[in-house]
Amino acid sequence: MSLHNCHIGRHTTGDYFNHEERRVRPLLLTKEECRKLRREIDIKGMTVVPLKSYFNDKNLVKVQIGLCKGKNVRDKRNAIKDREMKRDTDRMMKSFRV
């Protein structure tokens, strides 16, 4: 497994040993961790998302990853409808305040 399209900025000091900001980076996982993530992605339709990234003592980037499940079209429509209803009620309440 590898990490695609994740921006890790260049170092501010030095130019010779810098890295590309958006290159494909391999994830260091055990075989069992890799199988578990692949199973979740294939069967349940989940996505692996980087949650947090930081540099360690050896100046290597550590990335904390997590599994997430996206919304389907029906959920998106409901969220948009709820947001618009809340906006309309807030406007109404604002106009009726004295």
Protein backbone atom coordinates (compact mmCIF):
# COMPACT_ATOMS: atom_id res chain seq x y z
CA MET A 1 0.00 0.00 0.00
CA SER A 2 1.13 3.53 -0.63
CA LEU A 3 0.13 7.09 0.19
CA HIS A 4 -0.95 9.10 -2.87
CA ASN A 5 -1.52 12.85 -3.32
CA CYS A 6 -0.53 13.85 0.22
CA HIS A 7 1.31 17.17 0.49
CA ILE A 8 4.34 17.16 2.80
CA GLY A 9 6.12 20.50 2.61
CA ARG A 10 9.79 20.98 1.85
CA HIS A 11 12.33 21.70 4.56
CA THR A 12 13.08 25.38 5.03
CA THR A 13 16.81 24.84 5.51
CA GLY A 14 18.97 23.42 2.75
CA ASP A 15 18.09 22.66 -0.83
CA TYR A 16 20.16 19.65 -1.81
CA PHE A 17 18.49 17.00 0.40
CA ASN A 18 14.89 18.18 -0.08
CA HIS A 19 12.10 15.93 -1.31
CA GLU A 20 9.21 16.19 -3.76
CA GLU A 21 6.11 17.45 -2.01
CA ARG A 22 3.49 15.23 -3.66
CA ARG A 23 5.27 11.98 -4.49
CA VAL A 24 3.88 8.51 -3.84
CA ARG A 25 5.12 7.26 -0.48
CA PRO A 26 5.09 3.63 0.65
CA LEU A 27 3.31 2.82 3.90
CA LEU A 28 5.27 0.67 6.32
CA LEU A 29 2.69 -1.90 7.41
CA THR A 30 2.88 -5.51 8.44
CA LYS A 31 1.27 -8.10 6.16
CA GLU A 32 -1.63 -8.54 8.56
CA GLU A 33 -2.28 -4.78 8.81
CA CYS A 34 -2.16 -4.50 5.03
CA ARG A 35 -4.59 -7.43 4.61
CA LYS A 36 -6.98 -5.95 7.16
CA LEU A 37 -7.04 -2.54 5.46
CA ARG A 38 -7.43 -4.14 2.01
CA ARG A 39 -10.35 -6.27 3.28
CA GLU A 40 -12.11 -3.21 4.72
CA ILE A 41 -11.58 -1.24 1.50
CA ASP A 42 -12.76 -4.00 -0.84
CA ILE A 43 -15.69 -5.46 1.10
CA LYS A 44 -17.22 -2.51 2.94
CA GLY A 45 -16.27 0.26 0.51
CA MET A 46 -14.35 2.26 3.09
CA THR A 47 -11.47 4.65 2.41
CA VAL A 48 -8.10 5.07 4.13
CA VAL A 49 -7.54 8.71 5.12
CA PRO A 50 -4.44 10.34 6.68
CA LEU A 51 -5.48 11.91 9.99
CA LYS A 52 -2.26 13.37 11.37
CA SER A 53 1.32 13.69 10.15
CA TYR A 54 4.45 14.71 12.02
CA PHE A 55 8.26 14.35 11.92
CA ASN A 56 9.93 12.00 14.40
CA ASP A 57 13.41 12.23 15.99
CA LYS A 58 15.08 10.70 12.90
CA ASN A 59 13.45 13.33 10.68
CA LEU A 60 11.07 10.80 9.09
CA VAL A 61 7.42 11.60 8.48
CA LYS A 62 4.95 9.57 10.53
CA VAL A 63 1.35 9.48 9.31
CA GLN A 64 -1.58 8.33 11.41
CA ILE A 65 -4.22 6.79 9.14
CA GLY A 66 -7.86 5.94 9.70
CA LEU A 67 -10.74 4.22 7.93
CA CYS A 68 -13.81 6.21 7.02
CA LYS A 69 -17.04 5.58 5.21
CA GLY A 70 -18.33 8.15 2.74
CA LYS A 71 -21.87 9.42 2.50
CA ASN A 72 -24.16 8.07 -0.16
CA VAL A 73 -26.29 10.33 -2.37
CA ARG A 74 -29.37 10.04 -0.16
CA ASP A 75 -27.42 11.14 2.94
CA LYS A 76 -25.97 14.12 1.07
CA ARG A 77 -29.42 15.28 0.00
CA ASN A 78 -30.70 15.03 3.56
CA ALA A 79 -27.72 16.98 4.89
CA ILE A 80 -28.25 19.74 2.31
CA LYS A 81 -31.97 19.89 3.08
CA ASP A 82 -31.35 20.11 6.84
CA ARG A 83 -28.74 22.83 6.36
CA GLU A 84 -31.07 24.92 4.19
CA MET A 85 -33.98 24.51 6.65
CA LYS A 86 -31.76 25.65 9.52
CA ARG A 87 -30.60 28.65 7.49
CA ASP A 88 -34.21 29.60 6.66
CA THR A 89 -35.35 29.31 10.29
CA ASP A 90 -32.40 31.42 11.43
CA ARG A 91 -33.36 34.12 8.91
CA MET A 92 -36.96 34.04 10.07
CA MET A 93 -35.95 34.29 13.73
CA LYS A 94 -33.60 37.15 12.95
CA SER A 95 -36.31 39.12 11.14
CA PHE A 96 -38.83 38.68 13.98
CA ARG A 97 -36.52 39.81 16.75
CA VAL A 98 -37.36 43.16 18.26
